[in-house]
Amino acid sequence: MKYVRYEKDGNTHFGVLENGKIAELSEDYVLGAERTGVVTEEQDVKLLAPYIPGKIVGVGANYKSFLDAKKREYPVGPRIFQKPKTAVLNMGEAICLPDASHEVHYEGELAVVIGKTCTKVKKEDAWDHIFGYTVINDITDETMFKEDVIWARGKGCDTFAPLGPVVVTDEIDPEDAMIETKLNGTVVQHMSTSDINFHIPELIEYISSYMTLEAGDIIATGTPAGVGCLHPGDHIEISIEGIGVLANDVK
């Protein structure tokens, strides 16, 4: 199933995308919803970020190829941080660079959407707490990070979490899906999620041992090798097998 959030006639709706048509849902699909009977052509609406989470929990340096390229030691546990929901950006809208002189990176990632509120989840039970998956571009201002040492500002700027185009529930193998990032048409990242260091069940177990994960929260699971700088005028596309393409311009 492919779930979307969209704007029509100035109002925001949730829906199910099937063969170019959107079946409207009565409410938030993560919390449970029914079809209203209203069907709209996809081309007649504006697709928004498919969900606005309560929080985004990111995982840094979580792909073996990334760690190897940077010549870093493998961490003994996940390195987590948070991005505010105000950083979420719709597909097709512009990523805003805080300062033209800053070193700002793209990071194509698989995002996990939590399906029900949970705490202290065991990894063997983790899959039962997932609603679905989407694509996130974990934009990072490396200049801010170097200045601050902590990740809050460099990860949390407005527009620093492009999300979309859909949330899928059963069209993807999250353990072996290809991530590909194109910058101005050139492939810069191309790696399977099988390259991940700490796998999704381990991440859910680790994160939920410290903080409650609520329904709709998102875990950004890390990025493979190939991250690089964004500049005004760039066009960035991130695709994940089974989900689709997240595309944004940069200004």
Protein backbone atom coordinates (compact mmCIF):
# COMPACT_ATOMS: atom_id res chain seq x y z
CA MET A 1 0.00 0.00 0.00
CA LYS A 2 1.17 3.53 -0.80
CA TYR A 3 -0.03 6.27 1.54
CA VAL A 4 0.11 9.99 0.78
CA ARG A 5 -0.67 13.35 2.26
CA TYR A 6 -1.90 15.92 -0.23
CA GLU A 7 -3.45 19.32 -0.74
CA LYS A 8 -6.65 19.86 -2.69
CA ASP A 9 -8.72 23.04 -2.85
CA GLY A 10 -6.65 24.52 -0.02
CA ASN A 11 -7.29 21.60 2.35
CA THR A 12 -4.92 18.85 3.50
CA HIS A 13 -5.99 15.21 3.22
CA PHE A 14 -4.60 11.71 3.72
CA GLY A 15 -5.07 9.08 1.06
CA VAL A 16 -4.06 5.83 -0.62
CA LEU A 17 -2.33 6.08 -4.00
CA GLU A 18 -3.32 3.40 -6.51
CA ASN A 19 -2.65 3.49 -10.25
CA GLY A 20 -2.51 7.28 -10.47
CA LYS A 21 -5.63 7.81 -8.36
CA ILE A 22 -5.89 8.82 -4.71
CA ALA A 23 -8.59 7.35 -2.48
CA GLU A 24 -9.27 9.85 0.30
CA LEU A 25 -9.02 8.61 3.90
CA SER A 26 -11.10 9.82 6.81
CA GLU A 27 -8.10 10.71 8.96
CA ASP A 28 -4.42 10.11 9.72
CA TYR A 29 -3.53 6.73 8.19
CA VAL A 30 -0.97 5.81 10.85
CA LEU A 31 -3.60 6.07 13.57
CA GLY A 32 -6.17 4.18 11.52
CA ALA A 33 -8.53 5.47 8.85
CA GLU A 34 -11.27 4.42 6.47
CA ARG A 35 -11.84 5.35 2.84
CA THR A 36 -14.38 8.12 2.40
CA GLY A 37 -15.36 7.09 -1.11
CA VAL A 38 -13.85 10.22 -2.66
CA VAL A 39 -11.32 9.45 -5.42
CA THR A 40 -9.10 12.09 -7.04
CA GLU A 41 -6.60 11.96 -9.90
CA GLU A 42 -3.03 12.29 -8.62
CA GLN A 43 -2.34 14.96 -11.24
CA ASP A 44 -5.09 17.17 -9.77
CA VAL A 45 -3.54 17.50 -6.30
CA LYS A 46 -0.31 18.69 -4.72
CA LEU A 47 1.56 15.90 -2.95
CA LEU A 48 2.94 17.00 0.41
CA ALA A 49 5.45 15.34 2.70
CA PRO A 50 3.60 12.07 3.37
CA TYR A 51 3.66 12.54 7.14
CA ILE A 52 4.54 15.16 9.75
CA PRO A 53 6.14 13.21 12.60
CA GLY A 54 6.21 14.18 16.23
CA LYS A 55 9.98 13.77 16.05
CA ILE A 56 12.65 12.51 13.69
CA VAL A 57 15.40 10.43 15.27
CA GLY A 58 18.46 10.26 13.05
CA VAL A 59 21.31 7.78 13.15
CA GLY A 60 24.77 9.06 12.25
CA ALA A 61 27.55 7.09 10.56
CA ASN A 62 25.47 3.93 10.19
CA TYR A 63 26.59 2.56 6.81
CA LYS A 64 29.74 0.50 6.44
CA SER A 65 30.56 2.13 3.10
CA PHE A 66 30.28 5.58 4.71
CA LEU A 67 32.53 4.62 7.61
CA ASP A 68 35.06 2.97 5.29
CA ALA A 69 35.14 5.99 2.95
CA LYS A 70 35.75 8.30 5.92
CA LYS A 71 38.30 5.85 7.39
CA ARG A 72 36.43 5.84 10.69
CA GLU A 73 36.21 3.10 13.27
CA TYR A 74 32.87 1.32 13.52
CA PRO A 75 30.91 2.69 16.52
CA VAL A 76 30.08 0.33 19.37
CA GLY A 77 26.49 1.58 19.42
CA PRO A 78 24.15 3.77 17.34
CA ARG A 79 24.87 7.50 17.36
CA ILE A 80 21.51 9.19 17.48
CA PHE A 81 20.27 12.76 17.18
CA GLN A 82 16.94 14.50 16.57
CA LYS A 83 15.59 16.75 13.86
CA PRO A 84 12.51 18.89 14.62
CA LYS A 85 9.31 18.38 12.66
CA THR A 86 9.67 21.99 11.46
CA ALA A 87 12.57 20.77 9.28
CA VAL A 88 10.20 18.63 7.15
CA LEU A 89 9.98 19.77 3.53
CA ASN A 90 7.54 18.78 0.82
CA MET A 91 8.78 17.10 -2.32
CA GLY A 92 9.34 19.65 -5.07
CA GLU A 93 9.93 22.55 -2.71
CA ALA A 94 13.30 24.23 -2.30
CA ILE A 95 15.96 23.36 0.27
CA CYS A 96 17.13 26.69 1.72
CA LEU A 97 20.83 26.96 2.52
CA PRO A 98 21.39 29.05 5.68
CA ASP A 99 24.52 30.72 4.30
CA ALA A 100 26.08 30.45 0.85
CA SER A 101 29.52 30.04 2.42
CA HIS A 102 28.50 27.01 4.50
CA GLU A 103 29.33 23.40 3.67
CA VAL A 104 25.90 21.75 3.46
CA HIS A 105 25.58 18.05 2.62
CA TYR A 106 22.83 15.88 1.15
CA GLU A 107 22.30 12.44 2.73
CA GLY A 108 19.93 9.97 1.06
CA GLU A 109 18.34 7.67 3.63
CA LEU A 110 15.63 5.12 4.28
CA ALA A 111 13.13 6.42 6.85
CA VAL A 112 11.14 4.11 9.13
CA VAL A 113 7.66 5.27 10.20
CA ILE A 114 6.69 3.96 13.64
CA GLY A 115 3.21 2.43 13.74
CA LYS A 116 2.36 2.46 17.44
CA THR A 117 3.63 4.12 20.58
CA CYS A 118 6.26 1.96 22.23
CA THR A 119 9.06 1.89 24.75
CA LYS A 120 11.76 -0.62 25.62
CA VAL A 121 11.07 -2.75 22.55
CA LYS A 122 13.11 -5.92 22.09
CA LYS A 123 14.70 -6.24 18.66
CA GLU A 124 12.89 -9.49 17.97
CA ASP A 125 9.58 -7.57 18.35
CA ALA A 126 10.66 -4.44 16.48
CA TRP A 127 9.06 -5.24 13.11
CA ASP A 128 5.64 -5.31 14.80
CA HIS A 129 6.03 -1.62 15.68
CA ILE A 130 6.67 -0.37 12.15
CA PHE A 131 3.94 1.17 9.99
CA GLY A 132 5.96 1.70 6.83
CA TYR A 133 8.87 3.35 5.05
CA THR A 134 9.65 6.50 3.09
CA VAL A 135 12.64 8.48 1.76
CA ILE A 136 14.35 11.26 3.70
CA ASN A 137 17.15 13.62 2.73
CA ASP A 138 18.98 14.24 6.01
CA ILE A 139 20.41 17.65 5.09
CA THR A 140 23.37 18.56 7.28
CA ASP A 141 25.20 21.87 7.69
CA GLU A 142 28.75 20.69 8.38
CA THR A 143 29.94 24.24 9.07
CA MET A 144 27.46 24.60 11.92
CA PHE A 145 28.38 21.16 13.24
CA LYS A 146 32.07 22.07 13.37
CA GLU A 147 31.26 25.35 15.11
CA ASP A 148 28.85 23.84 17.65
CA VAL A 149 30.29 20.31 18.11
CA ILE A 150 26.71 19.09 18.74
CA TRP A 151 24.25 18.33 15.92
CA ALA A 152 21.13 20.30 16.89
CA ARG A 153 21.60 23.39 14.72
CA GLY A 154 23.37 21.74 11.80
CA LYS A 155 20.69 19.06 11.49
CA GLY A 156 17.62 21.04 12.47
CA CYS A 157 17.34 24.05 10.15
CA ASP A 158 14.07 24.67 8.34
CA THR A 159 13.85 22.61 5.09
CA PHE A 160 16.57 20.18 6.30
CA ALA A 161 14.30 17.11 6.17
CA PRO A 162 12.78 16.66 2.71
CA LEU A 163 10.43 13.67 2.97
CA GLY A 164 8.47 11.59 0.47
CA PRO A 165 7.02 10.92 -1.97
CA VAL A 166 4.90 8.22 -0.26
CA VAL A 167 4.88 5.92 2.76
CA VAL A 168 4.87 2.28 1.67
CA THR A 169 3.93 -0.70 3.80
CA ASP A 170 4.61 -3.78 1.71
CA GLU A 171 6.35 -2.84 -1.55
CA ILE A 172 9.86 -2.86 -0.12
CA ASP A 173 12.44 -5.15 1.43
CA PRO A 174 13.89 -2.72 3.99
CA GLU A 175 16.85 -5.03 4.58
CA ASP A 176 17.92 -4.99 0.92
CA ALA A 177 16.58 -1.98 -1.00
CA MET A 178 18.75 0.10 -3.31
CA ILE A 179 19.32 3.76 -2.37
CA GLU A 180 20.39 6.02 -5.23
CA THR A 181 21.07 9.74 -5.06
CA LYS A 182 21.51 11.93 -8.14
CA LEU A 183 22.94 15.44 -7.95
CA ASN A 184 22.17 17.42 -11.10
CA GLY A 185 21.64 14.13 -12.93
CA THR A 186 24.88 12.47 -11.80
CA VAL A 187 24.72 9.41 -9.54
CA VAL A 188 26.57 10.19 -6.30
CA GLN A 189 25.20 7.50 -3.97
CA HIS A 190 24.31 3.93 -4.96
CA MET A 191 24.13 1.33 -2.24
CA SER A 192 21.79 -1.30 -0.79
CA THR A 193 20.34 -0.92 2.69
CA SER A 194 22.03 -4.27 3.39
CA ASP A 195 25.20 -2.20 3.93
CA ILE A 196 23.74 -0.80 7.14
CA ASN A 197 25.78 -1.28 10.32
CA PHE A 198 23.06 -1.30 12.99
CA HIS A 199 19.93 -2.82 11.45
CA ILE A 200 16.40 -1.52 11.91
CA PRO A 201 15.41 -3.86 14.79
CA GLU A 202 18.60 -2.92 16.64
CA LEU A 203 17.87 0.78 16.13
CA ILE A 204 14.32 0.48 17.45
CA GLU A 205 15.52 -1.48 20.47
CA TYR A 206 18.28 1.04 21.20
CA ILE A 207 16.26 4.22 20.68
CA SER A 208 13.18 2.98 22.55
CA SER A 209 15.34 2.02 25.52
CA TYR A 210 15.99 5.75 26.09
CA MET A 211 12.93 7.53 24.71
CA THR A 212 9.35 6.64 23.91
CA LEU A 213 8.67 6.29 20.20
CA GLU A 214 5.21 7.52 19.30
CA ALA A 215 3.02 6.48 16.39
CA GLY A 216 4.16 8.47 13.37
CA ASP A 217 7.67 9.17 14.64
CA ILE A 218 10.37 8.67 12.02
CA ILE A 219 13.78 7.04 12.28
CA ALA A 220 16.29 8.15 9.62
CA THR A 221 18.48 5.07 9.43
CA GLY A 222 21.73 6.53 8.06
CA THR A 223 23.35 7.26 4.71
CA PRO A 224 25.84 5.34 2.56
CA ALA A 225 29.08 6.64 1.06
CA GLY A 226 28.92 9.45 -1.47
CA VAL A 227 27.65 12.43 0.54
CA GLY A 228 28.66 15.80 -0.83
CA CYS A 229 27.95 19.50 -0.94
CA LEU A 230 24.83 21.31 -2.11
CA HIS A 231 24.90 24.70 -3.79
CA PRO A 232 22.22 27.16 -4.89
CA GLY A 233 20.72 26.02 -8.19
CA ASP A 234 21.36 22.30 -7.58
CA HIS A 235 18.72 19.63 -8.14
CA ILE A 236 18.82 16.59 -5.87
CA GLU A 237 16.92 13.31 -6.36
CA ILE A 238 16.91 10.38 -3.95
CA SER A 239 15.25 7.13 -4.96
CA ILE A 240 14.72 3.98 -2.93
CA GLU A 241 13.64 0.78 -4.57
CA GLY A 242 9.98 0.12 -3.80
CA ILE A 243 9.21 3.67 -2.62
CA GLY A 244 9.93 6.18 -5.38
CA VAL A 245 11.85 9.38 -5.99
CA LEU A 246 12.19 12.37 -3.65
CA ALA A 247 13.21 15.43 -5.65
CA ASN A 248 14.04 18.98 -4.52
CA ASP A 249 15.83 22.04 -5.82
CA VAL A 250 18.29 24.06 -3.75
CA LYS A 251 18.32 27.80 -3.19
